[in-house]
């Protein structure tokens, strides 16, 4: 049995990022997502909450180093 993958995606609330979240969850990965818009992030988490895989949503602006460090920790 393979090791479960953990993926961290930024800007994941729409477009390509959201599609990558969906694909990763379908493949059984644990997914952490960050985005600046808290409402969109909460909506994304709600959308995928019923799935079998794990999704962790953390609001952060990845252009700010301190915000990235806080999200990672």
C-alpha atoms as a PDB file:
ATOM      1  CA  UNK A   1       0.000   0.000   0.000  1.00  0.00           C
ATOM      2  CA  UNK A   2       1.368   3.450  -0.941  1.00  0.00           C
ATOM      3  CA  UNK A   3       1.854   6.379   1.368  1.00  0.00           C
ATOM      4  CA  UNK A   4      -0.952   8.950   1.409  1.00  0.00           C
ATOM      5  CA  UNK A   5       0.098  12.180  -0.292  1.00  0.00           C
ATOM      6  CA  UNK A   6      -0.316  15.596   1.293  1.00  0.00           C
ATOM      7  CA  UNK A   7      -0.653  18.534  -1.090  1.00  0.00           C
ATOM      8  CA  UNK A   8      -0.688  22.265  -0.352  1.00  0.00           C
ATOM      9  CA  UNK A   9      -2.390  24.408  -2.993  1.00  0.00           C
ATOM     10  CA  UNK A  10      -2.551  28.181  -3.051  1.00  0.00           C
ATOM     11  CA  UNK A  11      -5.206  30.207  -4.835  1.00  0.00           C
ATOM     12  CA  UNK A  12      -7.398  27.142  -4.802  1.00  0.00           C
ATOM     13  CA  UNK A  13     -10.854  28.707  -4.635  1.00  0.00           C
ATOM     14  CA  UNK A  14     -11.438  28.895  -8.401  1.00  0.00           C
ATOM     15  CA  UNK A  15     -10.194  27.921 -11.823  1.00  0.00           C
ATOM     16  CA  UNK A  16      -7.231  25.586 -12.161  1.00  0.00           C
ATOM     17  CA  UNK A  17      -6.562  25.589  -8.415  1.00  0.00           C
ATOM     18  CA  UNK A  18     -10.068  24.386  -7.617  1.00  0.00           C
ATOM     19  CA  UNK A  19      -9.831  21.700 -10.300  1.00  0.00           C
ATOM     20  CA  UNK A  20      -6.548  20.514  -8.781  1.00  0.00           C
ATOM     21  CA  UNK A  21      -8.172  20.329  -5.345  1.00  0.00           C
ATOM     22  CA  UNK A  22     -10.973  18.171  -6.720  1.00  0.00           C
ATOM     23  CA  UNK A  23      -8.576  15.856  -8.563  1.00  0.00           C
ATOM     24  CA  UNK A  24      -6.253  15.471  -5.559  1.00  0.00           C
ATOM     25  CA  UNK A  25      -9.166  14.648  -3.256  1.00  0.00           C
ATOM     26  CA  UNK A  26     -10.507  12.119  -5.778  1.00  0.00           C
ATOM     27  CA  UNK A  27      -7.069  10.478  -5.773  1.00  0.00           C
ATOM     28  CA  UNK A  28      -7.191  10.179  -1.977  1.00  0.00           C
ATOM     29  CA  UNK A  29      -4.706  12.899  -1.061  1.00  0.00           C
ATOM     30  CA  UNK A  30      -4.887  15.068   2.014  1.00  0.00           C
ATOM     31  CA  UNK A  31      -5.171  18.628   0.717  1.00  0.00           C
ATOM     32  CA  UNK A  32      -4.358  21.917   2.418  1.00  0.00           C
ATOM     33  CA  UNK A  33      -5.552  25.031   0.622  1.00  0.00           C
ATOM     34  CA  UNK A  34      -4.816  28.698   1.142  1.00  0.00           C
ATOM     35  CA  UNK A  35      -6.458  31.762  -0.342  1.00  0.00           C
ATOM     36  CA  UNK A  36      -6.947  35.400   0.618  1.00  0.00           C
ATOM     37  CA  UNK A  37     -10.748  35.411   0.370  1.00  0.00           C
ATOM     38  CA  UNK A  38     -12.107  33.792   3.547  1.00  0.00           C
ATOM     39  CA  UNK A  39     -15.666  33.498   2.211  1.00  0.00           C
ATOM     40  CA  UNK A  40     -14.575  31.689  -0.948  1.00  0.00           C
ATOM     41  CA  UNK A  41     -12.283  29.461   1.104  1.00  0.00           C
ATOM     42  CA  UNK A  42     -15.134  28.534   3.439  1.00  0.00           C
ATOM     43  CA  UNK A  43     -17.351  27.806   0.432  1.00  0.00           C
ATOM     44  CA  UNK A  44     -14.675  25.528  -1.051  1.00  0.00           C
ATOM     45  CA  UNK A  45     -14.329  23.663   2.249  1.00  0.00           C
ATOM     46  CA  UNK A  46     -18.109  23.219   2.449  1.00  0.00           C
ATOM     47  CA  UNK A  47     -18.264  21.992  -1.145  1.00  0.00           C
ATOM     48  CA  UNK A  48     -15.758  19.208  -0.556  1.00  0.00           C
ATOM     49  CA  UNK A  49     -16.642  18.422   3.091  1.00  0.00           C
ATOM     50  CA  UNK A  50     -18.774  15.403   2.187  1.00  0.00           C
ATOM     51  CA  UNK A  51     -15.897  13.618   0.448  1.00  0.00           C
ATOM     52  CA  UNK A  52     -13.843  10.782   1.914  1.00  0.00           C
ATOM     53  CA  UNK A  53     -10.522  12.655   1.872  1.00  0.00           C
ATOM     54  CA  UNK A  54      -9.212  15.398   4.101  1.00  0.00           C
ATOM     55  CA  UNK A  55      -9.334  19.087   3.176  1.00  0.00           C
ATOM     56  CA  UNK A  56      -7.804  21.753   5.411  1.00  0.00           C
ATOM     57  CA  UNK A  57      -8.618  25.367   4.488  1.00  0.00           C
ATOM     58  CA  UNK A  58      -6.349  28.107   5.855  1.00  0.00           C
ATOM     59  CA  UNK A  59      -6.817  31.766   4.913  1.00  0.00           C
ATOM     60  CA  UNK A  60      -3.496  33.364   3.966  1.00  0.00           C
ATOM     61  CA  UNK A  61      -1.926  35.810   1.536  1.00  0.00           C
ATOM     62  CA  UNK A  62       1.042  33.924   0.092  1.00  0.00           C
ATOM     63  CA  UNK A  63       2.696  37.186  -0.974  1.00  0.00           C
ATOM     64  CA  UNK A  64       3.355  37.780   2.748  1.00  0.00           C
ATOM     65  CA  UNK A  65       6.149  35.546   4.142  1.00  0.00           C
ATOM     66  CA  UNK A  66       4.828  35.738   7.713  1.00  0.00           C
ATOM     67  CA  UNK A  67       1.373  34.628   6.536  1.00  0.00           C
ATOM     68  CA  UNK A  68       2.894  31.637   4.735  1.00  0.00           C
ATOM     69  CA  UNK A  69       4.839  30.613   7.821  1.00  0.00           C
ATOM     70  CA  UNK A  70       1.724  30.916   9.986  1.00  0.00           C
ATOM     71  CA  UNK A  71      -0.341  28.862   7.528  1.00  0.00           C
ATOM     72  CA  UNK A  72       2.313  26.164   7.404  1.00  0.00           C
ATOM     73  CA  UNK A  73       2.587  25.911  11.164  1.00  0.00           C
END
